[in-house]
Amino acid sequence: MNMQPKATRFRVRRAQNAAPQTAASPLEEEDDGFGDVPFPTTLSPQDEAEIGAIKAEGLSGHQLRTAARIAQRRGFHASSEFDAVRLLRKAGIDPFARAELVGLAGQPGTEAPTEGHLPRIVPQPEARVPAPPMSEGERAREILKMQREIVRRRRRSLVHLMIRLAAFIVLPTIIAGYYFFAFATPLYATRSEFLIQQADGKAGSPLGGLLSGTQFATSQDSITVQSYLQSRDAMKRLDADLGFKAHFSQDWIDPIQRLATDATNEQAYKIYKRNVRIGFDPTEGIIKLEVIAADPETSQRFSEALISYAEERVDNLSLRLREDQMQGAREVYEDAETKLLEAQRRVQTLQEQLGVFDPRSESGAVLSQIATLELQAQEKRLQLDQLMDNARPNQARVEGVRGDISRLEGAVADLRAQLTGTSGNGGSLAAITGEMRIAEADLETRQLMLSQSLQQLELARIEANRQVRYLSTGVSPIAPDEPTYPRAFENTALAFLIFAGIYLMLSLTVSILREQVSA
């Protein structure tokens, strides 16, 4: 009796207090005019006690409405929804059974009327004679029986819940904890950090100068390096250099983390992604690398190899840009140098062919000779005029002076012919001087172009050096002296939360589906 709820004990006491009064004063009741014939809806004390027990079960409104509909379809005349539950249970029908809800349409009296026919008349149940009143002891025993049944059901539900929790949460968590604590192979993680930087120098634009030297100037390079280290290419290169597959295929590694000896590249790549973890911090531009292996020395060697791969990739990122810039400037310089040599050879060839080292000096010497001869001829003319002023000039002297003047004029004419080329004895100094001036002008132009191309080559070399990216290691890879993984307690707790969440989702889904089916 101690297990009874307070509300049930209160109803039992009230029924026990009311029972003697009903039994003690049967003659004091007023006559209703029908004699001893009871009303169809009159309930006996036993029925009232059963209804009170049903009310104590705490049924929901949906369950009570469902029981009332089933009782109506079955042909029971119930005074209330609780009475409908009582009548169905008394007839051996469980109103809350799933089979009863699903097969509700197939029960007698529930056929839908077919087209052209009247609904079938459901026969009314025979009038039932109320049961004789129960004694106080029998009523208390029935109530106690119902309460025990309720407690038994609740215990059964609790036991089933514990079994489900043990099967779906506790047992998998124990298995996972056993693996992490006793069976998993200890792994060692080597952590390192490095940064990709750009060479200092003035940028070509104000915005470039603002961003140069910051992480935003090399963010694309950092993302590219991160993608490369997480690629199959890096995995294949690491396997070829240091035997990545062979390391994780050793027999003493547990089967879950072990790689098969005949594993494909895709299977090895899954192990690679799980044991090589790379993160990029865009706010500071730092790449964080964590390499996991079965022993600390191998982990350190793997980490150093991956950093060297990253450094090589960084060097190759701007190599093509630098080569393009240098190639254009170098081609221009080489072309200018080649043409300069051609112009020098042309000047040398003209000098050799014409036999003139410097046409300017040669023409200057000829002009000076012409001036000297013309001066001498002028003096001879004056001397001739002086001789001719005599009344009787000496003809011998006159003829001698005239001969000198004629010879001087002939010499001047020859020299002028040498300058202009009218003598017919070869090329003139004017033509030679023109050709030499053209060749020398071309030579000076080529020298100027060579100087400018050399300056452009130096500028291109400086700009190419500004495009250089280099990898700076902030945290060097150092092998740990204790295992880093597995983190047994954290992994076990995480497994417990995962299994509990899966069970909760499945339970909610099943409850919702059951509610939808029973609605």
Protein backbone atom coordinates (compact mmCIF):
# COMPACT_ATOMS: atom_id res chain seq x y z
CA MET A 1 0.00 0.00 0.00
CA ASN A 2 2.94 2.32 0.37
CA MET A 3 3.48 2.29 -3.42
CA GLN A 4 0.07 3.84 -4.10
CA PRO A 5 -0.04 7.44 -5.25
CA LYS A 6 -1.53 10.01 -2.94
CA ALA A 7 -4.43 10.78 -5.28
CA THR A 8 -5.33 7.08 -5.50
CA ARG A 9 -5.22 6.64 -1.72
CA PHE A 10 -7.45 9.68 -1.34
CA ARG A 11 -9.99 8.20 -3.78
CA VAL A 12 -9.89 4.86 -1.95
CA ARG A 13 -10.57 6.56 1.40
CA ARG A 14 -13.39 8.58 -0.13
CA ALA A 15 -14.92 5.47 -1.66
CA GLN A 16 -14.59 3.62 1.68
CA ASN A 17 -16.21 6.51 3.55
CA ALA A 18 -19.02 6.74 1.02
CA ALA A 19 -19.67 3.00 0.82
CA PRO A 20 -21.15 2.47 4.37
CA GLN A 21 -23.48 5.41 3.96
CA THR A 22 -24.85 3.96 0.75
CA ALA A 23 -25.28 0.57 2.30
CA ALA A 24 -26.73 1.92 5.58
CA SER A 25 -29.54 4.04 4.12
CA PRO A 26 -31.05 2.28 1.09
CA LEU A 27 -34.64 3.04 2.30
CA GLU A 28 -34.04 6.75 2.69
CA GLU A 29 -33.52 7.29 -1.05
CA GLU A 30 -36.35 9.04 -2.88
CA ASP A 31 -38.45 7.03 -5.29
CA ASP A 32 -37.92 8.08 -8.91
CA GLY A 33 -41.18 6.50 -10.14
CA PHE A 34 -39.56 3.60 -11.99
CA GLY A 35 -39.37 1.18 -9.10
CA ASP A 36 -36.40 -1.17 -9.09
CA VAL A 37 -35.67 -0.75 -12.82
CA PRO A 38 -32.24 0.94 -13.14
CA PHE A 39 -31.43 3.63 -15.73
CA PRO A 40 -29.35 2.52 -18.70
CA THR A 41 -26.55 4.89 -17.71
CA THR A 42 -26.56 4.05 -14.05
CA LEU A 43 -23.15 2.77 -12.89
CA SER A 44 -22.60 0.42 -10.05
CA PRO A 45 -20.06 1.21 -7.34
CA GLN A 46 -17.70 -1.34 -8.86
CA ASP A 47 -17.91 0.42 -12.24
CA GLU A 48 -17.29 3.76 -10.57
CA ALA A 49 -14.24 2.30 -8.84
CA GLU A 50 -12.90 1.01 -12.17
CA ILE A 51 -13.48 4.42 -13.76
CA GLY A 52 -11.65 6.06 -10.86
CA ALA A 53 -8.70 3.72 -11.42
CA ILE A 54 -8.73 4.57 -15.12
CA LYS A 55 -8.70 8.27 -14.31
CA ALA A 56 -5.71 7.68 -12.06
CA GLU A 57 -3.75 6.27 -15.01
CA GLY A 58 -3.36 9.77 -16.42
CA LEU A 59 -4.51 9.03 -19.97
CA SER A 60 -4.18 11.82 -22.53
CA GLY A 61 -7.12 13.46 -24.24
CA HIS A 62 -6.14 11.91 -27.57
CA GLN A 63 -6.21 8.41 -26.06
CA LEU A 64 -9.60 9.01 -24.46
CA ARG A 65 -11.09 10.30 -27.73
CA THR A 66 -9.67 7.31 -29.59
CA ALA A 67 -11.24 4.94 -27.02
CA ALA A 68 -14.60 6.71 -27.37
CA ARG A 69 -14.56 6.32 -31.17
CA ILE A 70 -13.63 2.63 -30.91
CA ALA A 71 -16.41 2.04 -28.37
CA GLN A 72 -18.93 3.81 -30.62
CA ARG A 73 -17.89 1.70 -33.61
CA ARG A 74 -18.08 -1.44 -31.49
CA GLY A 75 -21.59 -0.59 -30.38
CA PHE A 76 -20.92 0.14 -26.71
CA HIS A 77 -23.02 2.82 -25.02
CA ALA A 78 -20.61 4.64 -22.73
CA SER A 79 -21.59 7.50 -20.45
CA SER A 80 -18.12 9.09 -20.76
CA GLU A 81 -14.73 8.56 -22.37
CA PHE A 82 -13.42 6.84 -19.22
CA ASP A 83 -16.50 4.55 -19.30
CA ALA A 84 -15.64 3.73 -22.93
CA VAL A 85 -12.18 2.59 -21.82
CA ARG A 86 -13.75 0.50 -19.05
CA LEU A 87 -16.24 -1.18 -21.39
CA LEU A 88 -13.59 -1.98 -24.01
CA ARG A 89 -11.25 -3.48 -21.42
CA LYS A 90 -14.11 -5.45 -19.88
CA ALA A 91 -14.85 -6.88 -23.33
CA GLY A 92 -11.19 -7.91 -23.70
CA ILE A 93 -10.27 -5.14 -26.16
CA ASP A 94 -7.19 -2.97 -25.67
CA PRO A 95 -8.19 0.45 -27.05
CA PHE A 96 -4.58 1.58 -27.29
CA ALA A 97 -3.14 -1.41 -29.18
CA ARG A 98 -1.63 -0.62 -32.55
CA ALA A 99 -3.40 -3.53 -34.21
CA GLU A 100 -6.70 -2.17 -32.97
CA LEU A 101 -5.91 1.28 -34.41
CA VAL A 102 -4.66 -0.07 -37.74
CA GLY A 103 -7.52 -2.57 -38.13
CA LEU A 104 -10.16 -0.13 -37.02
CA ALA A 105 -11.58 0.09 -40.50
CA GLY A 106 -12.03 -3.68 -40.69
CA GLN A 107 -14.07 -4.10 -37.46
CA PRO A 108 -17.77 -4.92 -37.70
CA GLY A 109 -19.89 -1.88 -38.06
CA THR A 110 -17.19 0.25 -39.70
CA GLU A 111 -17.83 -0.59 -43.34
CA ALA A 112 -18.30 2.48 -45.48
CA PRO A 113 -21.63 2.60 -47.38
CA THR A 114 -21.27 1.54 -50.97
CA GLU A 115 -22.82 3.44 -53.80
CA GLY A 116 -26.55 2.63 -54.18
CA HIS A 117 -26.94 0.84 -50.85
CA LEU A 118 -28.00 2.00 -47.44
CA PRO A 119 -25.61 1.69 -44.52
CA ARG A 120 -25.76 -1.56 -42.64
CA ILE A 121 -27.76 -1.43 -39.43
CA VAL A 122 -25.62 -2.22 -36.45
CA PRO A 123 -27.50 -4.35 -33.92
CA GLN A 124 -27.77 -2.77 -30.52
CA PRO A 125 -26.22 -4.70 -27.65
CA GLU A 126 -28.47 -6.43 -25.24
CA ALA A 127 -29.36 -4.71 -22.04
CA ARG A 128 -26.90 -5.62 -19.38
CA VAL A 129 -27.79 -6.21 -15.82
CA PRO A 130 -25.60 -4.21 -13.46
CA ALA A 131 -23.22 -6.26 -11.40
CA PRO A 132 -23.91 -6.62 -7.74
CA PRO A 133 -22.18 -4.05 -5.54
CA MET A 134 -18.68 -4.93 -4.39
CA SER A 135 -17.55 -4.97 -0.85
CA GLU A 136 -14.93 -2.63 0.46
CA GLY A 137 -12.24 -5.30 0.52
CA GLU A 138 -12.89 -6.37 -3.06
CA ARG A 139 -12.85 -2.75 -4.25
CA ALA A 140 -9.56 -2.12 -2.46
CA ARG A 141 -8.06 -5.29 -3.94
CA GLU A 142 -9.10 -4.27 -7.44
CA ILE A 143 -7.63 -0.81 -6.99
CA LEU A 144 -4.42 -2.27 -5.62
CA LYS A 145 -4.27 -4.67 -8.53
CA MET A 146 -4.58 -1.80 -11.01
CA GLN A 147 -1.92 0.20 -9.24
CA ARG A 148 0.45 -2.74 -9.28
CA GLU A 149 -0.21 -3.21 -12.96
CA ILE A 150 0.64 0.43 -13.59
CA VAL A 151 3.85 0.13 -11.57
CA ARG A 152 4.71 -3.09 -13.41
CA ARG A 153 4.26 -1.37 -16.76
CA ARG A 154 6.40 1.54 -15.72
CA ARG A 155 9.13 -0.78 -14.48
CA ARG A 156 8.97 -2.73 -17.72
CA SER A 157 9.29 0.49 -19.73
CA LEU A 158 12.24 1.58 -17.57
CA VAL A 159 13.95 -1.79 -18.04
CA HIS A 160 13.44 -1.60 -21.80
CA LEU A 161 14.86 1.93 -21.79
CA MET A 162 17.93 0.80 -19.87
CA ILE A 163 18.45 -2.09 -22.27
CA ARG A 164 18.25 0.24 -25.26
CA LEU A 165 20.65 2.71 -23.66
CA ALA A 166 23.08 -0.08 -22.86
CA ALA A 167 22.85 -1.51 -26.37
CA PHE A 168 23.08 1.70 -28.34
CA ILE A 169 25.18 3.99 -26.11
CA VAL A 170 27.00 2.28 -23.24
CA LEU A 171 28.27 -0.80 -25.08
CA PRO A 172 29.59 1.11 -28.15
CA THR A 173 31.22 3.65 -25.84
CA ILE A 174 32.92 0.85 -23.88
CA ILE A 175 34.19 -0.70 -27.11
CA ALA A 176 35.51 2.64 -28.32
CA GLY A 177 37.15 3.35 -24.94
CA TYR A 178 38.78 -0.08 -24.92
CA TYR A 179 40.21 0.59 -28.37
CA PHE A 180 41.58 4.03 -27.43
CA PHE A 181 42.99 2.98 -24.05
CA ALA A 182 44.33 -0.51 -24.75
CA PHE A 183 44.46 -1.28 -28.46
CA ALA A 184 45.23 1.88 -30.48
CA THR A 185 48.83 2.38 -31.62
CA PRO A 186 50.40 5.53 -30.11
CA LEU A 187 51.19 8.15 -32.73
CA TYR A 188 53.61 11.08 -32.60
CA ALA A 189 52.82 14.50 -34.06
CA THR A 190 55.47 17.01 -35.14
CA ARG A 191 54.20 20.58 -35.41
CA SER A 192 55.80 23.41 -37.35
CA GLU A 193 54.88 26.85 -38.64
CA PHE A 194 56.21 28.78 -41.61
CA LEU A 195 55.47 32.01 -43.44
CA ILE A 196 55.73 32.99 -47.11
CA GLN A 197 57.21 36.45 -47.55
CA GLN A 198 58.01 38.72 -50.47
CA ALA A 199 61.30 40.50 -51.13
CA ASP A 200 61.39 44.15 -50.03
CA GLY A 201 61.30 46.83 -52.68
CA LYS A 202 59.18 49.60 -54.10
CA ALA A 203 56.05 48.37 -55.79
CA GLY A 204 54.76 49.65 -59.11
CA SER A 205 51.61 51.28 -57.65
CA PRO A 206 50.63 53.00 -54.39
CA LEU A 207 48.29 50.09 -53.57
CA GLY A 208 51.09 47.60 -54.21
CA GLY A 209 53.36 49.59 -51.92
CA LEU A 210 50.66 49.53 -49.26
CA LEU A 211 50.23 45.76 -49.43
CA SER A 212 53.85 44.77 -50.04
CA GLY A 213 55.44 43.04 -47.11
CA THR A 214 52.06 42.06 -45.58
CA GLN A 215 50.25 38.74 -45.52
CA PHE A 216 47.76 40.00 -48.13
CA ALA A 217 50.51 40.22 -50.74
CA THR A 218 51.31 36.51 -50.39
CA SER A 219 47.92 35.07 -49.42
CA GLN A 220 47.42 33.43 -52.81
CA ASP A 221 50.87 31.87 -52.60
CA SER A 222 50.10 30.55 -49.10
CA ILE A 223 46.83 29.02 -50.26
CA THR A 224 48.59 27.49 -53.27
CA VAL A 225 51.27 25.94 -51.06
CA GLN A 226 48.63 24.62 -48.66
CA SER A 227 46.73 23.00 -51.54
CA TYR A 228 49.94 21.48 -52.88
CA LEU A 229 50.92 19.93 -49.53
CA GLN A 230 47.44 18.38 -49.32
CA SER A 231 47.57 16.99 -52.85
CA ARG A 232 48.31 13.53 -54.18
CA ASP A 233 51.43 14.89 -55.83
CA ALA A 234 52.99 15.68 -52.45
CA MET A 235 51.94 12.26 -51.11
CA LYS A 236 53.53 10.44 -54.05
CA ARG A 237 56.72 12.45 -53.73
CA LEU A 238 56.90 11.79 -49.98
CA ASP A 239 56.36 8.08 -50.61
CA ALA A 240 59.09 8.03 -53.26
CA ASP A 241 61.58 9.89 -51.05
CA LEU A 242 60.90 8.53 -47.55
CA GLY A 243 58.54 5.54 -48.00
CA PHE A 244 55.22 6.87 -46.71
CA LYS A 245 53.26 3.72 -47.61
CA ALA A 246 55.87 1.37 -46.16
CA HIS A 247 55.85 3.24 -42.83
CA PHE A 248 52.11 2.90 -42.30
CA SER A 249 52.08 -0.71 -43.56
CA GLN A 250 54.16 -2.09 -40.66
CA ASP A 251 52.75 -5.06 -38.76
CA TRP A 252 52.86 -3.54 -35.27
CA ILE A 253 50.38 -0.77 -36.22
CA ASP A 254 46.80 -1.61 -35.24
CA PRO A 255 44.51 -2.76 -38.11
CA ILE A 256 42.33 0.36 -38.04
CA GLN A 257 45.30 2.68 -38.70
CA ARG A 258 47.39 0.23 -40.72
CA LEU A 259 47.69 0.52 -44.48
CA ALA A 260 47.55 -2.66 -46.52
CA THR A 261 50.76 -3.71 -48.21
CA ASP A 262 49.05 -3.76 -51.63
CA ALA A 263 47.08 -0.59 -51.00
CA THR A 264 46.22 1.73 -53.87
CA ASN A 265 47.16 5.36 -54.06
CA GLU A 266 43.63 6.38 -53.09
CA GLN A 267 43.77 4.31 -49.90
CA ALA A 268 47.20 5.76 -49.10
CA TYR A 269 45.88 9.25 -49.83
CA LYS A 270 43.14 8.79 -47.20
CA ILE A 271 45.81 7.89 -44.63
CA TYR A 272 47.87 10.87 -45.83
CA LYS A 273 45.00 13.35 -45.36
CA ARG A 274 44.32 11.94 -41.90
CA ASN A 275 47.94 12.18 -40.74
CA VAL A 276 49.09 15.38 -42.49
CA ARG A 277 47.09 18.34 -41.24
CA ILE A 278 47.67 21.80 -42.67
CA GLY A 279 46.00 25.02 -41.56
CA PHE A 280 46.30 28.56 -42.86
CA ASP A 281 45.69 31.65 -40.73
CA PRO A 282 44.64 34.43 -43.14
CA THR A 283 44.92 37.18 -40.49
CA GLU A 284 48.65 36.61 -39.99
CA GLY A 285 49.53 34.59 -43.09
CA ILE A 286 51.02 31.69 -41.09
CA ILE A 287 50.78 28.10 -42.34
CA LYS A 288 50.60 25.51 -39.55
CA LEU A 289 51.73 21.99 -40.37
CA GLU A 290 51.18 18.88 -38.22
CA VAL A 291 52.61 15.55 -39.37
CA ILE A 292 51.63 12.35 -37.55
CA ALA A 293 53.65 9.15 -37.72
CA ALA A 294 54.16 5.96 -35.73
CA ASP A 295 57.55 7.07 -34.36
CA PRO A 296 58.92 10.54 -33.58
CA GLU A 297 61.95 10.43 -35.90
CA THR A 298 59.85 9.52 -38.93
CA SER A 299 57.38 12.24 -38.05
CA GLN A 300 60.19 14.82 -37.98
CA ARG A 301 61.64 13.59 -41.28
CA PHE A 302 58.23 13.72 -42.96
CA SER A 303 57.72 17.26 -41.69
CA GLU A 304 61.12 18.47 -42.89
CA ALA A 305 60.55 16.90 -46.31
CA LEU A 306 57.16 18.57 -46.69
CA ILE A 307 58.63 21.95 -45.72
CA SER A 308 61.35 21.52 -48.36
CA TYR A 309 58.65 20.68 -50.93
CA ALA A 310 56.79 23.83 -49.93
CA GLU A 311 59.95 25.93 -50.26
CA GLU A 312 60.62 24.55 -53.70
CA ARG A 313 57.05 25.25 -54.72
CA VAL A 314 57.35 28.83 -53.45
CA ASP A 315 60.51 29.33 -55.52
CA ASN A 316 58.75 28.07 -58.63
CA LEU A 317 55.67 30.26 -58.16
CA SER A 318 57.34 33.49 -59.39
CA LEU A 319 60.00 31.84 -61.54
CA ARG A 320 58.00 32.11 -64.76
CA LEU A 321 57.15 35.77 -64.16
CA ARG A 322 60.77 36.58 -63.44
CA GLU A 323 61.95 34.64 -66.49
CA ASP A 324 59.47 36.45 -68.75
CA GLN A 325 60.58 39.84 -67.50
CA MET A 326 64.28 39.00 -67.82
CA GLN A 327 63.86 37.28 -71.18
CA GLY A 328 62.38 40.37 -72.88
CA ALA A 329 65.04 42.70 -71.51
CA ARG A 330 67.79 40.22 -72.32
CA GLU A 331 66.61 39.80 -75.93
CA VAL A 332 66.55 43.58 -76.44
CA TYR A 333 70.06 43.91 -75.02
CA GLU A 334 71.42 41.08 -77.15
CA ASP A 335 69.85 42.56 -80.30
CA ALA A 336 71.34 45.99 -79.56
CA GLU A 337 74.73 44.46 -78.93
CA THR A 338 74.60 42.51 -82.19
CA LYS A 339 73.68 45.59 -84.23
CA LEU A 340 76.41 47.62 -82.56
CA LEU A 341 78.97 45.04 -83.62
CA GLU A 342 77.62 45.13 -87.16
CA ALA A 343 77.94 48.93 -87.25
CA GLN A 344 81.53 48.75 -86.02
CA ARG A 345 82.38 46.15 -88.66
CA ARG A 346 80.85 48.36 -91.35
CA VAL A 347 82.98 51.36 -90.32
CA GLN A 348 86.06 49.15 -90.28
CA THR A 349 85.22 47.75 -93.71
CA LEU A 350 84.80 51.26 -95.17
CA GLN A 351 88.12 52.34 -93.73
CA GLU A 352 89.81 49.31 -95.24
CA GLN A 353 88.13 49.67 -98.64
CA LEU A 354 88.63 53.44 -99.00
CA GLY A 355 92.02 53.56 -97.36
CA VAL A 356 90.97 56.42 -95.15
CA PHE A 357 91.23 56.25 -91.45
CA ASP A 358 89.44 59.52 -90.73
CA PRO A 359 87.74 61.29 -93.65
CA ARG A 360 87.33 64.43 -91.65
CA SER A 361 91.06 64.78 -91.03
CA GLU A 362 91.81 63.84 -94.68
CA SER A 363 89.42 66.46 -96.06
CA GLY A 364 90.77 69.02 -93.60
CA ALA A 365 94.35 68.40 -94.83
CA VAL A 366 93.26 68.78 -98.46
CA LEU A 367 91.42 71.98 -97.71
CA SER A 368 94.46 73.38 -95.92
CA GLN A 369 96.63 72.52 -98.96
CA ILE A 370 94.15 74.22 -101.27
CA ALA A 371 94.22 77.32 -99.10
CA THR A 372 98.03 77.40 -99.12
CA LEU A 373 98.21 76.97 -102.90
CA GLU A 374 95.59 79.62 -103.50
CA LEU A 375 97.55 81.99 -101.26
CA GLN A 376 100.72 81.32 -103.28
CA ALA A 377 98.80 81.79 -106.54
CA GLN A 378 97.49 85.11 -105.25
CA GLU A 379 101.03 86.23 -104.49
CA LYS A 380 102.17 85.23 -107.98
CA ARG A 381 99.31 87.21 -109.54
CA LEU A 382 100.33 90.26 -107.58
CA GLN A 383 103.92 89.74 -108.72
CA LEU A 384 102.68 89.40 -112.32
CA ASP A 385 100.68 92.62 -112.03
CA GLN A 386 103.79 94.36 -110.66
CA LEU A 387 105.85 93.15 -113.63
CA MET A 388 103.20 94.17 -116.10
CA ASP A 389 103.14 97.70 -114.69
CA ASN A 390 106.64 98.32 -116.23
CA ALA A 391 106.72 99.85 -119.66
CA ARG A 392 109.06 97.20 -120.91
CA PRO A 393 108.57 94.14 -118.64
CA ASN A 394 111.02 91.32 -118.72
CA GLN A 395 109.26 88.65 -120.77
CA ALA A 396 111.26 85.82 -119.22
CA ARG A 397 110.20 86.76 -115.76
CA VAL A 398 106.63 87.39 -116.88
CA GLU A 399 106.40 84.00 -118.48
CA GLY A 400 107.94 82.39 -115.39
CA VAL A 401 105.42 84.03 -113.11
CA ARG A 402 102.56 83.08 -115.40
CA GLY A 403 103.86 79.48 -115.40
CA ASP A 404 103.91 79.45 -111.61
CA ILE A 405 100.34 80.78 -111.48
CA SER A 406 99.19 78.14 -113.95
CA ARG A 407 100.88 75.35 -112.00
CA LEU A 408 99.36 76.58 -108.74
CA GLU A 409 95.87 76.75 -110.24
CA GLY A 410 96.31 73.25 -111.66
CA ALA A 411 97.32 71.94 -108.23
CA VAL A 412 94.29 73.62 -106.66
CA ALA A 413 92.06 72.17 -109.35
CA ASP A 414 93.46 68.66 -108.72
CA LEU A 415 92.91 69.01 -104.99
CA ARG A 416 89.35 70.23 -105.53
CA ALA A 417 88.77 67.39 -107.95
CA GLN A 418 90.00 65.00 -105.27
CA LEU A 419 87.43 66.44 -102.88
CA THR A 420 84.52 66.34 -105.35
CA GLY A 421 85.56 63.27 -107.33
CA THR A 422 85.58 64.92 -110.76
CA SER A 423 89.11 63.90 -111.57
CA GLY A 424 88.17 60.36 -112.52
CA ASN A 425 90.96 58.83 -110.46
CA GLY A 426 88.77 57.18 -107.79
CA GLY A 427 86.21 57.98 -105.08
CA SER A 428 85.99 61.49 -103.78
CA LEU A 429 86.58 62.53 -100.24
CA ALA A 430 83.02 63.89 -100.11
CA ALA A 431 81.54 60.47 -100.89
CA ILE A 432 83.94 58.79 -98.53
CA THR A 433 83.13 61.31 -95.85
CA GLY A 434 79.33 60.81 -96.37
CA GLU A 435 79.55 57.03 -96.12
CA MET A 436 81.77 57.26 -93.10
CA ARG A 437 79.45 59.76 -91.45
CA ILE A 438 76.45 57.47 -92.04
CA ALA A 439 78.32 54.49 -90.63
CA GLU A 440 79.56 56.47 -87.65
CA ALA A 441 76.06 57.87 -86.99
CA ASP A 442 74.68 54.31 -87.06
CA LEU A 443 77.46 53.27 -84.73
CA GLU A 444 76.62 56.05 -82.27
CA THR A 445 72.91 55.15 -82.42
CA ARG A 446 73.67 51.51 -81.69
CA GLN A 447 75.87 52.52 -78.80
CA LEU A 448 73.06 54.62 -77.35
CA MET A 449 70.54 51.78 -77.82
CA LEU A 450 72.92 49.34 -76.19
CA SER A 451 73.28 51.66 -73.23
CA GLN A 452 69.49 51.99 -72.88
CA SER A 453 68.92 48.23 -73.24
CA LEU A 454 71.55 47.60 -70.60
CA GLN A 455 69.72 49.98 -68.29
CA GLN A 456 66.40 48.21 -68.99
CA LEU A 457 68.05 44.88 -68.29
CA GLU A 458 69.19 46.09 -64.91
CA LEU A 459 65.71 47.45 -64.10
CA ALA A 460 64.15 44.14 -65.14
CA ARG A 461 66.61 42.28 -62.94
CA ILE A 462 65.70 44.50 -59.98
CA GLU A 463 61.96 44.04 -60.63
CA ALA A 464 62.42 40.28 -60.95
CA ASN A 465 64.22 40.23 -57.63
CA ARG A 466 61.25 42.03 -56.09
CA GLN A 467 58.98 39.23 -57.30
CA VAL A 468 60.94 36.62 -55.39
CA ARG A 469 59.03 34.72 -52.68
CA TYR A 470 60.83 32.91 -49.94
CA LEU A 471 59.72 30.64 -47.13
CA SER A 472 60.56 31.66 -43.58
CA THR A 473 60.23 28.96 -40.89
CA GLY A 474 58.85 30.32 -37.63
CA VAL A 475 58.59 27.05 -35.69
CA SER A 476 61.05 24.35 -36.69
CA PRO A 477 59.88 20.70 -36.67
CA ILE A 478 61.12 18.93 -33.54
CA ALA A 479 60.26 15.32 -32.75
CA PRO A 480 58.12 14.82 -29.60
CA ASP A 481 59.26 12.51 -26.81
CA GLU A 482 55.73 11.39 -25.83
CA PRO A 483 52.82 10.07 -27.90
CA THR A 484 50.40 12.75 -29.04
CA TYR A 485 47.58 10.46 -30.16
CA PRO A 486 45.26 8.83 -29.34
CA ARG A 487 43.70 11.12 -26.76
CA ALA A 488 41.89 8.32 -25.01
CA PHE A 489 39.65 10.21 -22.60
CA GLU A 490 38.67 12.96 -25.05
CA ASN A 491 37.96 10.46 -27.83
CA THR A 492 35.90 8.24 -25.51
CA ALA A 493 33.83 11.19 -24.32
CA LEU A 494 33.34 12.28 -27.91
CA ALA A 495 32.22 8.77 -28.87
CA PHE A 496 29.71 8.80 -26.00
CA LEU A 497 28.25 12.11 -27.16
CA ILE A 498 28.03 10.90 -30.75
CA PHE A 499 26.24 7.66 -29.83
CA ALA A 500 23.90 9.51 -27.46
CA GLY A 501 23.04 12.01 -30.17
CA ILE A 502 22.35 9.26 -32.70
CA TYR A 503 20.13 7.42 -30.22
CA LEU A 504 18.24 10.60 -29.35
CA MET A 505 17.59 11.37 -33.01
CA LEU A 506 16.39 7.84 -33.70
CA SER A 507 14.13 7.86 -30.62
CA LEU A 508 12.56 11.17 -31.60
CA THR A 509 12.02 9.94 -35.15
CA VAL A 510 10.37 6.70 -34.00
CA SER A 511 8.15 8.57 -31.50
CA ILE A 512 7.01 11.03 -34.16
CA LEU A 513 6.25 8.24 -36.63
CA ARG A 514 4.34 6.28 -33.96
CA GLU A 515 2.30 9.35 -33.05
CA GLN A 516 1.49 9.97 -36.71
CA VAL A 517 0.38 6.37 -37.21
CA SER A 518 -1.82 6.32 -34.09
CA ALA A 519 -3.41 9.74 -34.81
